[in-house]
Amino acid sequence: MTTTALKYRWRDTSADFDHVEKNINLSSAERTVSIATGVKLALAGFKGIFKHPFSSIIKLGAGGYLLNRGITGHCDIYQRMGRNSTEPVNVNIRSSFFVDKPRQEVYNFWRKLDNLPLFMKHLKSVDLIDDTRSHWVLKLPADVAAISWDAEIVKDEPGYMIGWSSLPDSMLDNAGKVRFQDSPDGEGTLIDITISYRPPAGGFGGSIAHILNPVFKNMVDTDVRNFKQYMDLSDSYVTFDDEPVALIIEEATIIEPSASESDTDDKQSPYSSDKGQQPTGQNSVI
């Protein structure tokens, strides 16, 4: 084969690889879950192939599909829907619900931000630096990267409201605001929680950008609502020795930005002040 022929063949092969790469529409987290679930189903199918051949064949087929989905990073269903879980999004979560605990007790729990990993599985740890500052570490599948940032409590109304925001030049911009009100019957607490994750103003590397995807947004949404179940089932909110938990919870009222408000609209984001003004420099107006 001549040198020219080899050159053109190499170009054709490279084009094929480029085509496959462009078809990747699953995030790393979703691919990891697909592979793990696929392996589990395939093993279950092999073990029961003689006792339960029909169900085992179904498991083998489903396992093979999930393995292919995870390895290739491509989902035909997503492609038909025009969905791509690798595309970065602004994560703005707002949830309101009732907790069967006194208002001051619920506030005290949130005031110690290192309690958050107890019910938020997307957080690996939150370590207190001093009375207002803390160091946050994101939990990623198989610890593929270490994403961390420092945050500061920027507004504190004891018993009624707490707000925090990541410091400037953080790897991820994070902010949150929690309001506490006595329930009408005085038997519990009404809570309004808003949490946001956004790309920093200066931008960041592509590997980190893919963290902010729809899968991550759903995870944060679920973690926020886990708080209700965690508090309702806990006899004491001080649980320093407990491992982080992820509980199945009942539906809560979720208030997210309307269709007329884009992800960059700060009306639903704790990055904006109560007057709706966008802070400049530091993300600390809550």
Protein backbone atom coordinates (compact mmCIF):
# COMPACT_ATOMS: atom_id res chain seq x y z
CA MET A 1 0.00 0.00 0.00
CA THR A 2 1.42 3.36 -0.97
CA THR A 3 2.16 6.17 1.44
CA THR A 4 -0.63 8.26 -0.08
CA ALA A 5 -3.15 5.45 0.38
CA LEU A 6 -2.11 4.98 4.02
CA LYS A 7 -2.47 8.72 4.60
CA TYR A 8 -6.04 8.79 3.25
CA ARG A 9 -6.95 5.66 5.20
CA TRP A 10 -5.70 7.29 8.40
CA ARG A 11 -7.75 10.38 7.67
CA ASP A 12 -10.88 8.26 7.17
CA THR A 13 -10.28 6.44 10.45
CA SER A 14 -9.74 9.73 12.29
CA ALA A 15 -13.00 11.03 10.87
CA ASP A 16 -14.80 7.95 12.21
CA PHE A 17 -13.37 8.56 15.68
CA ASP A 18 -14.42 12.21 15.52
CA HIS A 19 -17.94 11.10 14.62
CA VAL A 20 -18.10 8.76 17.63
CA GLU A 21 -16.75 11.46 19.94
CA LYS A 22 -19.38 13.93 18.79
CA ASN A 23 -22.10 11.37 19.58
CA ILE A 24 -21.21 11.20 23.27
CA ASN A 25 -24.26 12.58 25.07
CA LEU A 26 -23.89 11.04 28.54
CA SER A 27 -22.04 12.60 31.46
CA SER A 28 -19.26 10.72 33.24
CA ALA A 29 -21.48 10.14 36.27
CA GLU A 30 -24.28 8.69 34.14
CA ARG A 31 -21.85 6.45 32.25
CA THR A 32 -20.45 5.11 35.54
CA VAL A 33 -23.93 4.28 36.82
CA SER A 34 -24.84 2.59 33.52
CA ILE A 35 -21.73 0.38 33.59
CA ALA A 36 -22.19 -0.60 37.25
CA THR A 37 -25.88 -1.43 36.76
CA GLY A 38 -25.15 -3.27 33.51
CA VAL A 39 -22.54 -5.50 35.17
CA LYS A 40 -24.93 -6.26 38.04
CA LEU A 41 -27.78 -7.22 35.69
CA ALA A 42 -25.52 -9.31 33.45
CA LEU A 43 -24.14 -11.29 36.40
CA ALA A 44 -27.65 -11.89 37.73
CA GLY A 45 -28.70 -13.08 34.28
CA PHE A 46 -25.82 -15.56 34.00
CA LYS A 47 -26.45 -16.99 37.48
CA GLY A 48 -30.13 -17.69 36.85
CA ILE A 49 -29.97 -18.73 33.19
CA PHE A 50 -30.95 -22.37 33.95
CA LYS A 51 -33.48 -21.81 36.76
CA HIS A 52 -35.23 -18.80 35.26
CA PRO A 53 -34.26 -18.64 31.57
CA PHE A 54 -36.88 -16.08 30.51
CA SER A 55 -36.12 -13.46 33.18
CA SER A 56 -32.40 -14.15 32.85
CA ILE A 57 -32.46 -13.41 29.12
CA ILE A 58 -34.20 -10.11 29.86
CA LYS A 59 -31.55 -9.25 32.46
CA LEU A 60 -28.75 -10.15 30.06
CA GLY A 61 -30.28 -7.97 27.36
CA ALA A 62 -30.79 -5.02 29.71
CA GLY A 63 -27.30 -5.46 31.16
CA GLY A 64 -25.75 -5.53 27.71
CA TYR A 65 -27.60 -2.39 26.69
CA LEU A 66 -26.48 -0.51 29.81
CA LEU A 67 -22.88 -1.68 29.39
CA ASN A 68 -22.86 -0.47 25.79
CA ARG A 69 -24.48 2.80 26.89
CA GLY A 70 -21.84 3.38 29.55
CA ILE A 71 -18.82 2.33 27.49
CA THR A 72 -19.74 4.32 24.37
CA GLY A 73 -21.22 7.28 26.27
CA HIS A 74 -24.07 7.40 23.76
CA CYS A 75 -27.82 7.05 24.34
CA ASP A 76 -30.11 6.77 21.30
CA ILE A 77 -33.14 7.85 23.36
CA TYR A 78 -31.36 11.03 24.47
CA GLN A 79 -30.39 11.72 20.86
CA ARG A 80 -34.01 11.45 19.69
CA MET A 81 -35.13 13.72 22.53
CA GLY A 82 -32.37 16.22 21.78
CA ARG A 83 -31.06 15.79 25.30
CA ASN A 84 -27.39 15.89 26.27
CA SER A 85 -26.44 15.29 29.90
CA THR A 86 -22.86 16.48 29.27
CA GLU A 87 -23.93 20.07 28.61
CA PRO A 88 -23.19 22.41 31.54
CA VAL A 89 -26.20 24.01 33.21
CA ASN A 90 -26.73 26.49 36.00
CA VAL A 91 -28.05 24.52 38.97
CA ASN A 92 -30.72 26.53 40.78
CA ILE A 93 -32.79 24.53 43.29
CA ARG A 94 -35.55 25.91 45.48
CA SER A 95 -37.64 23.75 47.79
CA SER A 96 -40.22 24.58 50.46
CA PHE A 97 -41.60 22.12 53.01
CA PHE A 98 -42.62 21.48 56.63
CA VAL A 99 -40.33 19.89 59.23
CA ASP A 100 -41.68 18.50 62.48
CA LYS A 101 -39.03 20.18 64.62
CA PRO A 102 -38.87 23.52 66.50
CA ARG A 103 -37.62 26.45 64.44
CA GLN A 104 -34.58 27.14 66.64
CA GLU A 105 -33.47 23.50 66.49
CA VAL A 106 -33.70 23.44 62.70
CA TYR A 107 -31.77 26.71 62.45
CA ASN A 108 -29.06 25.38 64.79
CA PHE A 109 -28.60 22.37 62.50
CA TRP A 110 -28.11 24.53 59.39
CA ARG A 111 -25.87 27.01 61.23
CA LYS A 112 -23.32 24.20 61.49
CA LEU A 113 -22.71 23.76 57.77
CA ASP A 114 -20.57 20.68 58.44
CA ASN A 115 -23.87 18.86 59.10
CA LEU A 116 -24.87 19.12 55.43
CA PRO A 117 -23.07 15.95 54.21
CA LEU A 118 -25.25 13.97 56.65
CA PHE A 119 -28.11 14.19 54.15
CA MET A 120 -26.51 15.62 50.99
CA LYS A 121 -24.79 12.79 49.14
CA HIS A 122 -23.30 15.14 46.52
CA LEU A 123 -21.06 16.59 49.26
CA LYS A 124 -18.06 14.60 50.47
CA SER A 125 -17.32 16.94 53.36
CA VAL A 126 -17.77 20.42 54.77
CA ASP A 127 -15.09 21.39 57.29
CA LEU A 128 -15.45 24.48 59.46
CA ILE A 129 -12.50 26.88 59.27
CA ASP A 130 -13.86 29.39 61.77
CA ASP A 131 -17.24 30.72 62.86
CA THR A 132 -18.18 31.98 59.39
CA ARG A 133 -15.90 30.24 56.87
CA SER A 134 -15.88 26.60 55.76
CA HIS A 135 -14.15 24.32 53.23
CA TRP A 136 -16.40 22.26 50.92
CA VAL A 137 -15.49 19.14 48.92
CA LEU A 138 -17.72 17.75 46.18
CA LYS A 139 -18.28 13.98 46.00
CA LEU A 140 -17.75 12.64 42.46
CA PRO A 141 -18.06 9.08 41.09
CA ALA A 142 -14.93 7.05 41.92
CA ASP A 143 -13.25 10.30 43.05
CA VAL A 144 -12.45 11.17 39.43
CA ALA A 145 -11.47 14.69 40.48
CA ALA A 146 -11.05 16.77 43.61
CA ILE A 147 -13.40 19.74 43.43
CA SER A 148 -13.35 21.96 46.49
CA TRP A 149 -13.91 25.57 47.48
CA ASP A 150 -14.13 27.84 50.51
CA ALA A 151 -17.41 29.47 51.48
CA GLU A 152 -18.44 32.15 53.93
CA ILE A 153 -21.64 32.84 55.84
CA VAL A 154 -22.64 36.24 54.51
CA LYS A 155 -25.96 36.74 56.28
CA ASP A 156 -27.10 35.34 59.59
CA GLU A 157 -30.36 36.14 61.37
CA PRO A 158 -30.31 33.71 64.33
CA GLY A 159 -33.36 31.49 64.30
CA TYR A 160 -34.75 32.92 61.06
CA MET A 161 -32.30 32.91 58.14
CA ILE A 162 -28.82 31.87 57.09
CA GLY A 163 -27.03 32.56 53.80
CA TRP A 164 -23.62 31.51 52.50
CA SER A 165 -21.58 32.00 49.35
CA SER A 166 -18.33 30.69 47.91
CA LEU A 167 -15.33 32.99 48.04
CA PRO A 168 -13.99 34.68 44.87
CA ASP A 169 -11.90 32.59 42.44
CA SER A 170 -13.47 29.31 43.59
CA MET A 171 -13.46 26.26 41.31
CA LEU A 172 -17.27 26.30 41.48
CA ASP A 173 -19.53 29.17 42.50
CA ASN A 174 -21.91 27.98 45.20
CA ALA A 175 -24.44 29.90 47.26
CA GLY A 176 -27.35 29.02 49.49
CA LYS A 177 -30.06 30.63 51.54
CA VAL A 178 -32.39 29.02 54.08
CA ARG A 179 -35.35 30.74 55.76
CA PHE A 180 -37.11 29.39 58.85
CA GLN A 181 -40.67 30.22 59.96
CA ASP A 182 -42.91 28.82 62.67
CA SER A 183 -45.75 26.74 61.25
CA PRO A 184 -49.28 28.19 61.74
CA ASP A 185 -50.04 25.67 64.50
CA GLY A 186 -46.68 26.30 66.18
CA GLU A 187 -45.83 22.59 66.10
CA GLY A 188 -43.04 22.69 63.55
CA THR A 189 -41.06 24.77 61.06
CA LEU A 190 -41.70 25.95 57.52
CA ILE A 191 -38.44 25.98 55.55
CA ASP A 192 -37.57 27.63 52.26
CA ILE A 193 -34.23 26.43 50.83
CA THR A 194 -32.44 27.85 47.80
CA ILE A 195 -29.12 26.43 46.58
CA SER A 196 -27.19 27.30 43.42
CA TYR A 197 -24.09 26.04 41.66
CA ARG A 198 -22.78 28.09 38.74
CA PRO A 199 -19.66 28.36 36.59
CA PRO A 200 -17.29 30.99 38.00
CA ALA A 201 -17.21 34.32 36.20
CA GLY A 202 -13.80 33.61 34.68
CA GLY A 203 -14.80 30.21 33.32
CA PHE A 204 -13.11 26.88 34.03
CA GLY A 205 -11.72 23.76 32.38
CA GLY A 206 -13.98 21.48 30.37
CA SER A 207 -13.51 18.53 32.75
CA ILE A 208 -15.01 20.54 35.61
CA ALA A 209 -17.69 22.13 33.45
CA HIS A 210 -19.30 18.75 32.80
CA ILE A 211 -20.09 18.42 36.51
CA LEU A 212 -22.87 20.97 36.14
CA ASN A 213 -25.23 18.76 34.15
CA PRO A 214 -28.90 17.72 34.50
CA VAL A 215 -27.93 14.57 36.41
CA PHE A 216 -26.07 16.64 39.01
CA LYS A 217 -29.01 19.04 39.23
CA ASN A 218 -31.41 16.19 40.00
CA MET A 219 -28.99 14.90 42.64
CA VAL A 220 -28.84 18.27 44.42
CA ASP A 221 -32.64 18.56 44.21
CA THR A 222 -33.06 15.18 45.89
CA ASP A 223 -30.43 15.99 48.53
CA VAL A 224 -32.23 19.19 49.51
CA ARG A 225 -35.49 17.32 49.99
CA ASN A 226 -33.68 14.59 51.96
CA PHE A 227 -33.38 17.15 54.75
CA LYS A 228 -37.07 16.82 55.65
CA GLN A 229 -36.84 13.06 56.08
CA TYR A 230 -33.54 13.30 57.92
CA MET A 231 -34.86 15.79 60.48
CA ASP A 232 -38.23 14.07 60.92
CA LEU A 233 -36.49 10.75 61.69
CA SER A 234 -33.64 12.11 63.81
CA ASP A 235 -34.00 12.17 67.59
CA SER A 236 -31.12 14.61 67.80
CA TYR A 237 -29.70 16.87 65.12
CA VAL A 238 -26.14 16.59 66.53
CA THR A 239 -24.81 13.46 64.78
CA PHE A 240 -21.09 14.00 64.40
CA ASP A 241 -20.21 10.28 64.30
CA ASP A 242 -22.82 9.28 61.75
CA GLU A 243 -21.92 8.53 58.15
CA PRO A 244 -23.60 10.58 55.40
CA VAL A 245 -26.94 9.08 54.44
CA ALA A 246 -29.22 9.23 51.42
CA LEU A 247 -32.86 8.58 52.28
CA ILE A 248 -35.88 8.00 50.06
CA ILE A 249 -38.23 10.87 50.76
CA GLU A 250 -41.78 11.93 50.15
CA GLU A 251 -42.57 14.55 47.53
CA ALA A 252 -41.98 18.14 48.55
CA THR A 253 -43.03 21.35 46.90
CA ILE A 254 -40.35 22.32 44.41
CA ILE A 255 -40.30 25.86 43.13
CA GLU A 256 -37.96 26.26 40.16
CA PRO A 257 -37.49 29.07 37.66
CA SER A 258 -40.37 29.41 35.22
CA ALA A 259 -39.97 28.94 31.48
CA SER A 260 -39.74 32.68 31.03
CA GLU A 261 -36.71 32.86 33.31
CA SER A 262 -33.42 31.51 31.98
CA ASP A 263 -30.90 29.69 34.11
CA THR A 264 -28.89 32.88 34.22
CA ASP A 265 -31.82 34.79 35.70
CA ASP A 266 -30.94 35.37 39.34
CA LYS A 267 -34.48 35.77 40.64
CA GLN A 268 -34.48 32.15 41.78
CA SER A 269 -30.82 32.15 42.77
CA PRO A 270 -29.31 32.97 46.15
CA TYR A 271 -26.59 34.86 44.30
CA SER A 272 -28.96 37.80 44.03
CA SER A 273 -29.78 40.07 46.92
CA ASP A 274 -33.28 40.46 48.33
CA LYS A 275 -33.60 43.47 46.05
CA GLY A 276 -32.70 41.38 43.01
CA GLN A 277 -29.34 43.06 42.37
CA GLN A 278 -26.43 41.05 40.97
CA PRO A 279 -23.35 41.32 43.19
CA THR A 280 -20.08 42.40 41.69
CA GLY A 281 -16.80 40.74 42.57
CA GLN A 282 -17.67 38.53 45.53
CA ASN A 283 -20.82 36.37 45.50
CA SER A 284 -21.77 37.45 48.99
CA VAL A 285 -25.00 39.39 48.78
CA ILE A 286 -27.74 37.15 50.12
